[in-house]
């Protein structure tokens, strides 16, 4: 049997990020003008950031998304292609604008404003089923922003697994804060779920039979992860400065610390870079502890400069940082 064309197919959002950085980035209404430290236009969208991070680690990556036939869409397709990401499966919509995000960032915290545009127009019908037979792994990003996919995604992911691919999903934040939209039923088709700690607590609080959404504020990341494994997948939780953990349905539980001595300039996309590192390590055949370390390394190193992709780690940088974190020599494939 010939080898697949891709290591990773990422499904999700593809939109520019307008980054606004400074000590005080809170807008002053009343027609007031405020000066900030910096603005820039960068590759944005969780799926796109994950795809670029994975390509920098040496994976063969394709992106599936929807953009408008406009300058913003052209910017994204050109920028992704220049990073080695295959964009031939990206749908281009006439009459719709490319989605766009404005991220107001002050160090380790940020506020995000997003116009969906074409982003949520992506449907299962846009994704060729033959693509799944050509890849080793399928990853879904920004689930709660992909309302056009909600109905058809279970069959898509079932088909991906039937074709021999493994499957992961990063829910990202739910703007409606319902923390479901079909996700609970989708979990049986996932190999791994990749929320951050706040998302894990909200998901677990919404879906656990013994608790309610109000309990999310006091639920630990470990408790949330163990709760979510009841739905079927392994659960990997990103915790920023507290590192990362993984919980499995069989009760296995692992945790790694954060990469030390990295002072964040901008945390946009750090979780998406983590996803790429974790998935790359699993595709290389590394064990879970090593995969967590590579994810933590990719997430931390991505925060060194403004923008989700500008400081993403090279393969060599990421492996070196993960090796230092674990105190052992690691090697990619």
Protein backbone atom coordinates (compact mmCIF):
# COMPACT_ATOMS: atom_id res chain seq x y z
CA UNK A 1 0.00 0.00 0.00
CA UNK A 2 1.36 3.47 -0.90
CA UNK A 3 1.93 5.99 1.89
CA UNK A 4 -0.68 8.74 2.40
CA UNK A 5 -0.14 12.11 0.74
CA UNK A 6 -0.53 13.98 4.03
CA UNK A 7 0.38 13.43 7.65
CA UNK A 8 -2.27 15.88 8.81
CA UNK A 9 -5.48 17.38 7.42
CA UNK A 10 -6.77 20.32 9.47
CA UNK A 11 -10.43 21.39 9.20
CA UNK A 12 -11.58 24.75 10.50
CA UNK A 13 -11.07 28.48 10.29
CA UNK A 14 -8.94 30.52 7.91
CA UNK A 15 -8.94 34.25 8.57
CA UNK A 16 -6.47 37.10 9.06
CA UNK A 17 -5.72 38.33 12.56
CA UNK A 18 -5.42 42.06 13.11
CA UNK A 19 -3.24 42.20 16.22
CA UNK A 20 -3.38 45.22 18.49
CA UNK A 21 -0.69 45.20 21.19
CA UNK A 22 0.14 47.52 24.05
CA UNK A 23 -0.16 48.11 27.77
CA UNK A 24 -3.61 49.69 27.30
CA UNK A 25 -5.57 48.37 24.32
CA UNK A 26 -9.07 49.06 25.67
CA UNK A 27 -10.94 51.16 23.09
CA UNK A 28 -12.20 54.58 24.17
CA UNK A 29 -15.61 55.20 22.64
CA UNK A 30 -16.99 58.69 22.09
CA UNK A 31 -14.92 59.17 18.93
CA UNK A 32 -11.70 59.23 20.89
CA UNK A 33 -8.43 58.12 19.33
CA UNK A 34 -5.95 56.14 21.39
CA UNK A 35 -2.38 55.25 20.48
CA UNK A 36 -1.23 51.66 20.99
CA UNK A 37 2.15 50.01 20.80
CA UNK A 38 1.74 48.03 17.60
CA UNK A 39 -0.68 46.67 15.02
CA UNK A 40 -0.01 43.96 12.44
CA UNK A 41 -1.80 41.68 9.99
CA UNK A 42 -0.99 38.01 10.53
CA UNK A 43 -2.10 34.49 9.64
CA UNK A 44 -5.08 33.79 11.87
CA UNK A 45 -7.70 31.20 12.62
CA UNK A 46 -6.93 28.29 14.92
CA UNK A 47 -6.93 25.74 12.09
CA UNK A 48 -4.55 27.83 9.99
CA UNK A 49 -2.19 28.45 12.91
CA UNK A 50 -2.14 24.73 13.72
CA UNK A 51 -1.48 23.88 10.08
CA UNK A 52 1.49 26.27 9.85
CA UNK A 53 2.96 25.02 13.14
CA UNK A 54 2.72 21.42 11.94
CA UNK A 55 4.34 22.27 8.60
CA UNK A 56 7.25 23.90 10.43
CA UNK A 57 7.72 20.65 12.33
CA UNK A 58 8.08 18.84 9.02
CA UNK A 59 4.60 17.35 8.61
CA UNK A 60 2.85 17.24 5.24
CA UNK A 61 -0.25 19.33 5.93
CA UNK A 62 -3.47 20.24 4.12
CA UNK A 63 -6.07 22.76 5.27
CA UNK A 64 -9.83 22.58 4.66
CA UNK A 65 -11.70 25.85 5.28
CA UNK A 66 -13.82 28.51 3.57
CA UNK A 67 -12.80 32.03 2.60
CA UNK A 68 -14.31 34.80 0.52
CA UNK A 69 -13.15 35.84 -2.90
CA UNK A 70 -11.52 38.99 -1.56
CA UNK A 71 -8.18 40.50 -0.54
CA UNK A 72 -8.30 38.92 2.92
CA UNK A 73 -8.86 35.47 1.44
CA UNK A 74 -6.05 35.94 -1.05
CA UNK A 75 -3.75 37.05 1.76
CA UNK A 76 -4.50 33.91 3.75
CA UNK A 77 -4.15 31.47 0.85
CA UNK A 78 -0.87 33.00 -0.29
CA UNK A 79 0.55 33.14 3.24
CA UNK A 80 -0.39 29.53 3.99
CA UNK A 81 0.98 28.24 0.71
CA UNK A 82 4.26 30.04 1.38
CA UNK A 83 4.47 28.09 4.66
CA UNK A 84 4.09 24.78 2.84
CA UNK A 85 0.42 24.17 3.67
CA UNK A 86 -1.68 22.63 0.88
CA UNK A 87 -4.73 24.88 0.39
CA UNK A 88 -6.25 23.17 -2.65
CA UNK A 89 -9.25 22.01 -0.58
CA UNK A 90 -10.08 25.50 0.74
CA UNK A 91 -13.50 26.60 -0.57
CA UNK A 92 -13.68 30.11 -2.03
CA UNK A 93 -17.09 31.76 -1.63
CA UNK A 94 -18.47 34.37 -3.99
CA UNK A 95 -20.60 36.93 -2.19
CA UNK A 96 -19.14 36.27 1.27
CA UNK A 97 -16.32 38.10 3.01
CA UNK A 98 -13.41 36.21 4.50
CA UNK A 99 -13.77 36.01 8.27
CA UNK A 100 -11.54 38.31 10.28
CA UNK A 101 -10.41 38.63 13.89
CA UNK A 102 -9.19 41.62 15.87
CA UNK A 103 -7.13 40.51 18.88
CA UNK A 104 -6.47 43.10 21.57
CA UNK A 105 -3.44 41.79 23.43
CA UNK A 106 -1.70 43.01 26.57
CA UNK A 107 0.97 40.49 27.50
CA UNK A 108 -0.53 37.27 28.76
CA UNK A 109 -4.16 38.34 28.34
CA UNK A 110 -6.24 39.22 25.31
CA UNK A 111 -9.73 40.04 24.08
CA UNK A 112 -10.91 38.77 20.70
CA UNK A 113 -13.47 40.18 18.27
CA UNK A 114 -14.36 37.93 15.32
CA UNK A 115 -16.55 38.42 12.26
CA UNK A 116 -17.33 34.96 10.91
CA UNK A 117 -17.84 35.91 7.27
CA UNK A 118 -17.38 32.76 5.18
CA UNK A 119 -15.94 30.84 8.10
CA UNK A 120 -19.10 29.03 9.19
CA UNK A 121 -20.25 28.36 5.61
CA UNK A 122 -18.03 25.27 5.42
CA UNK A 123 -20.16 22.11 5.27
CA UNK A 124 -19.51 18.41 5.00
CA UNK A 125 -20.33 18.63 1.29
CA UNK A 126 -17.24 20.84 0.79
CA UNK A 127 -14.88 18.16 2.07
CA UNK A 128 -13.96 15.41 -0.40
CA UNK A 129 -14.23 12.05 1.34
CA UNK A 130 -11.24 10.85 -0.68
CA UNK A 131 -9.09 13.28 1.30
CA UNK A 132 -9.36 11.08 4.40
CA UNK A 133 -7.84 8.11 2.63
CA UNK A 134 -4.86 10.33 1.81
CA UNK A 135 -3.96 11.34 5.35
CA UNK A 136 -2.77 9.79 8.60
CA UNK A 137 -4.62 12.16 10.94
CA UNK A 138 -7.58 14.58 10.80
CA UNK A 139 -7.79 17.51 13.21
CA UNK A 140 -10.80 19.80 13.68
CA UNK A 141 -10.23 23.31 15.06
CA UNK A 142 -12.64 25.92 16.43
CA UNK A 143 -15.58 23.55 16.58
CA UNK A 144 -17.98 26.12 18.02
CA UNK A 145 -17.33 28.53 15.14
CA UNK A 146 -18.06 25.87 12.50
CA UNK A 147 -21.86 25.72 12.67
CA UNK A 148 -22.09 24.64 9.03
CA UNK A 149 -20.20 21.46 9.92
CA UNK A 150 -22.13 20.44 13.03
CA UNK A 151 -24.72 18.30 11.26
CA UNK A 152 -22.36 16.46 8.92
CA UNK A 153 -19.25 16.18 11.06
CA UNK A 154 -20.10 12.89 12.84
CA UNK A 155 -20.38 11.05 9.51
CA UNK A 156 -17.24 12.77 8.23
CA UNK A 157 -15.16 11.73 11.21
CA UNK A 158 -16.59 8.21 11.17
CA UNK A 159 -15.52 8.00 7.55
CA UNK A 160 -12.05 9.30 8.39
CA UNK A 161 -11.55 6.61 11.00
CA UNK A 162 -12.94 3.95 8.68
CA UNK A 163 -10.33 5.09 6.14
CA UNK A 164 -7.61 4.48 8.73
CA UNK A 165 -6.99 8.02 9.98
CA UNK A 166 -6.92 9.02 13.63
CA UNK A 167 -9.00 12.04 14.67
CA UNK A 168 -8.66 14.93 17.11
CA UNK A 169 -10.63 18.07 17.92
CA UNK A 170 -9.87 21.37 19.63
CA UNK A 171 -13.17 23.00 20.61
CA UNK A 172 -11.76 26.45 21.37
CA UNK A 173 -14.06 28.86 23.18
CA UNK A 174 -17.83 28.70 22.71
CA UNK A 175 -19.05 32.30 22.16
CA UNK A 176 -22.60 31.20 23.04
CA UNK A 177 -21.32 29.35 26.15
CA UNK A 178 -23.65 26.41 25.56
CA UNK A 179 -20.67 24.01 25.48
CA UNK A 180 -22.45 21.41 23.40
CA UNK A 181 -23.84 22.06 19.89
CA UNK A 182 -23.55 18.33 19.25
CA UNK A 183 -20.04 17.95 20.63
CA UNK A 184 -21.05 15.47 23.32
CA UNK A 185 -22.31 13.07 20.66
CA UNK A 186 -19.27 13.67 18.49
CA UNK A 187 -16.79 12.53 21.14
CA UNK A 188 -17.27 8.85 20.33
CA UNK A 189 -15.66 9.53 16.95
CA UNK A 190 -12.55 11.20 18.44
CA UNK A 191 -9.23 9.74 19.47
CA UNK A 192 -8.24 12.85 21.41
CA UNK A 193 -9.92 16.06 22.60
CA UNK A 194 -7.63 19.08 23.07
CA UNK A 195 -9.22 21.89 25.14
CA UNK A 196 -7.44 24.38 27.36
CA UNK A 197 -8.15 24.33 31.09
CA UNK A 198 -11.02 26.84 31.00
CA UNK A 199 -12.66 25.06 28.07
CA UNK A 200 -12.23 21.65 29.70
CA UNK A 201 -13.91 22.86 32.88
CA UNK A 202 -16.80 24.39 30.96
CA UNK A 203 -17.27 21.26 28.82
CA UNK A 204 -17.12 18.95 31.82
CA UNK A 205 -19.46 21.15 33.83
CA UNK A 206 -22.00 21.20 31.02
CA UNK A 207 -21.92 17.48 30.24
CA UNK A 208 -21.21 15.67 33.51
CA UNK A 209 -24.33 14.07 34.97
CA UNK A 210 -23.34 14.82 38.56
CA UNK A 211 -22.62 18.53 38.02
CA UNK A 212 -23.93 21.54 36.20
CA UNK A 213 -22.35 24.47 34.37
CA UNK A 214 -22.04 26.42 37.63
CA UNK A 215 -19.47 23.90 38.88
CA UNK A 216 -17.07 24.72 36.05
CA UNK A 217 -15.54 27.63 37.94
CA UNK A 218 -14.22 25.35 40.69
CA UNK A 219 -13.43 22.24 38.67
CA UNK A 220 -9.72 21.46 38.37
CA UNK A 221 -8.21 20.67 34.99
CA UNK A 222 -7.47 17.12 36.13
CA UNK A 223 -11.05 16.54 37.30
CA UNK A 224 -12.41 18.01 34.08
CA UNK A 225 -10.17 15.80 31.95
CA UNK A 226 -11.15 12.65 33.83
CA UNK A 227 -14.82 13.57 33.50
CA UNK A 228 -14.54 14.13 29.75
CA UNK A 229 -12.86 10.77 29.13
CA UNK A 230 -16.18 9.12 29.98
CA UNK A 231 -17.38 10.23 26.54
CA UNK A 232 -14.69 8.10 24.89
CA UNK A 233 -11.62 10.05 23.79
CA UNK A 234 -8.32 10.71 25.46
CA UNK A 235 -8.33 14.28 26.81
CA UNK A 236 -5.28 16.54 26.64
CA UNK A 237 -5.59 19.80 28.56
CA UNK A 238 -3.39 22.84 27.89
CA UNK A 239 -2.71 24.86 31.03
CA UNK A 240 -0.28 27.58 29.96
CA UNK A 241 2.19 28.33 32.74
CA UNK A 242 1.00 25.20 34.58
CA UNK A 243 2.03 22.86 31.75
CA UNK A 244 -0.25 20.21 30.28
CA UNK A 245 -1.90 16.93 31.20
CA UNK A 246 -3.46 13.93 29.53
CA UNK A 247 -6.17 11.61 30.81
CA UNK A 248 -7.33 8.37 29.21
CA UNK A 249 -10.51 6.29 29.52
CA UNK A 250 -8.49 3.44 31.07
CA UNK A 251 -7.50 5.71 33.98
CA UNK A 252 -3.99 6.55 32.80
CA UNK A 253 -3.01 10.09 33.76
CA UNK A 254 0.14 12.05 32.87
CA UNK A 255 1.31 15.59 33.44
CA UNK A 256 4.27 17.72 32.34
CA UNK A 257 5.35 21.19 33.53
CA UNK A 258 5.57 24.24 31.33
CA UNK A 259 8.75 25.14 29.46
CA UNK A 260 10.71 27.47 31.78
CA UNK A 261 12.36 30.79 30.93
CA UNK A 262 9.97 31.87 28.17
CA UNK A 263 8.47 35.33 28.76
CA UNK A 264 5.30 35.66 26.66
CA UNK A 265 5.05 38.61 24.31
CA UNK A 266 1.74 37.48 22.79
CA UNK A 267 -0.22 34.31 23.55
CA UNK A 268 -2.40 34.33 20.39
CA UNK A 269 -2.31 30.84 18.88
CA UNK A 270 -0.26 29.22 21.64
CA UNK A 271 -2.84 26.48 22.15
CA UNK A 272 -2.99 25.84 18.41
CA UNK A 273 0.80 25.51 18.28
CA UNK A 274 0.57 23.08 21.21
CA UNK A 275 -1.90 20.98 19.21
CA UNK A 276 0.54 20.78 16.30
CA UNK A 277 3.39 19.69 18.57
CA UNK A 278 1.34 17.05 20.36
CA UNK A 279 -0.02 15.63 17.12
CA UNK A 280 3.39 15.64 15.41
CA UNK A 281 4.89 13.70 18.30
CA UNK A 282 2.15 11.08 18.21
CA UNK A 283 2.58 10.71 14.46
CA UNK A 284 6.32 10.23 15.03
CA UNK A 285 5.50 7.40 17.44
CA UNK A 286 6.49 9.20 20.64
CA UNK A 287 4.81 8.23 23.91
CA UNK A 288 2.24 10.47 25.61
CA UNK A 289 4.68 12.11 28.04
CA UNK A 290 6.99 13.02 25.18
CA UNK A 291 4.07 14.28 23.08
CA UNK A 292 2.91 16.51 25.94
CA UNK A 293 6.42 17.92 26.22
CA UNK A 294 6.64 18.68 22.50
CA UNK A 295 3.22 20.31 22.64
CA UNK A 296 4.27 22.42 25.62
CA UNK A 297 7.46 23.41 23.83
CA UNK A 298 5.63 24.47 20.66
CA UNK A 299 3.04 26.40 22.63
CA UNK A 300 5.58 28.26 24.76
CA UNK A 301 7.98 29.11 21.95
CA UNK A 302 5.15 30.50 19.81
CA UNK A 303 4.62 33.31 22.35
CA UNK A 304 8.06 34.90 21.80
CA UNK A 305 6.76 37.42 19.26
CA UNK A 306 3.44 38.96 18.31
CA UNK A 307 1.20 36.85 16.09
CA UNK A 308 0.09 33.25 16.08
CA UNK A 309 2.73 32.04 13.60
CA UNK A 310 5.60 34.55 13.64
CA UNK A 311 7.57 32.83 16.42
CA UNK A 312 6.45 29.23 15.94
CA UNK A 313 9.22 26.76 16.61
CA UNK A 314 11.25 25.00 13.98
CA UNK A 315 11.50 21.23 14.29
CA UNK A 316 14.98 21.54 15.84
CA UNK A 317 13.94 24.25 18.34
CA UNK A 318 10.87 22.32 19.47
CA UNK A 319 12.69 19.01 19.94
CA UNK A 320 15.51 20.73 21.84
CA UNK A 321 13.07 22.48 24.21
CA UNK A 322 11.08 19.27 24.78
CA UNK A 323 14.31 17.35 25.44
CA UNK A 324 15.38 19.94 28.02
CA UNK A 325 11.93 19.82 29.65
CA UNK A 326 12.09 16.03 30.11
CA UNK A 327 15.83 15.74 30.67
CA UNK A 328 16.23 13.22 27.85
CA UNK A 329 17.29 13.26 24.23
CA UNK A 330 14.39 13.18 21.80
CA UNK A 331 14.52 12.84 18.03
CA UNK A 332 11.89 13.53 15.39
CA UNK A 333 11.15 11.40 12.36
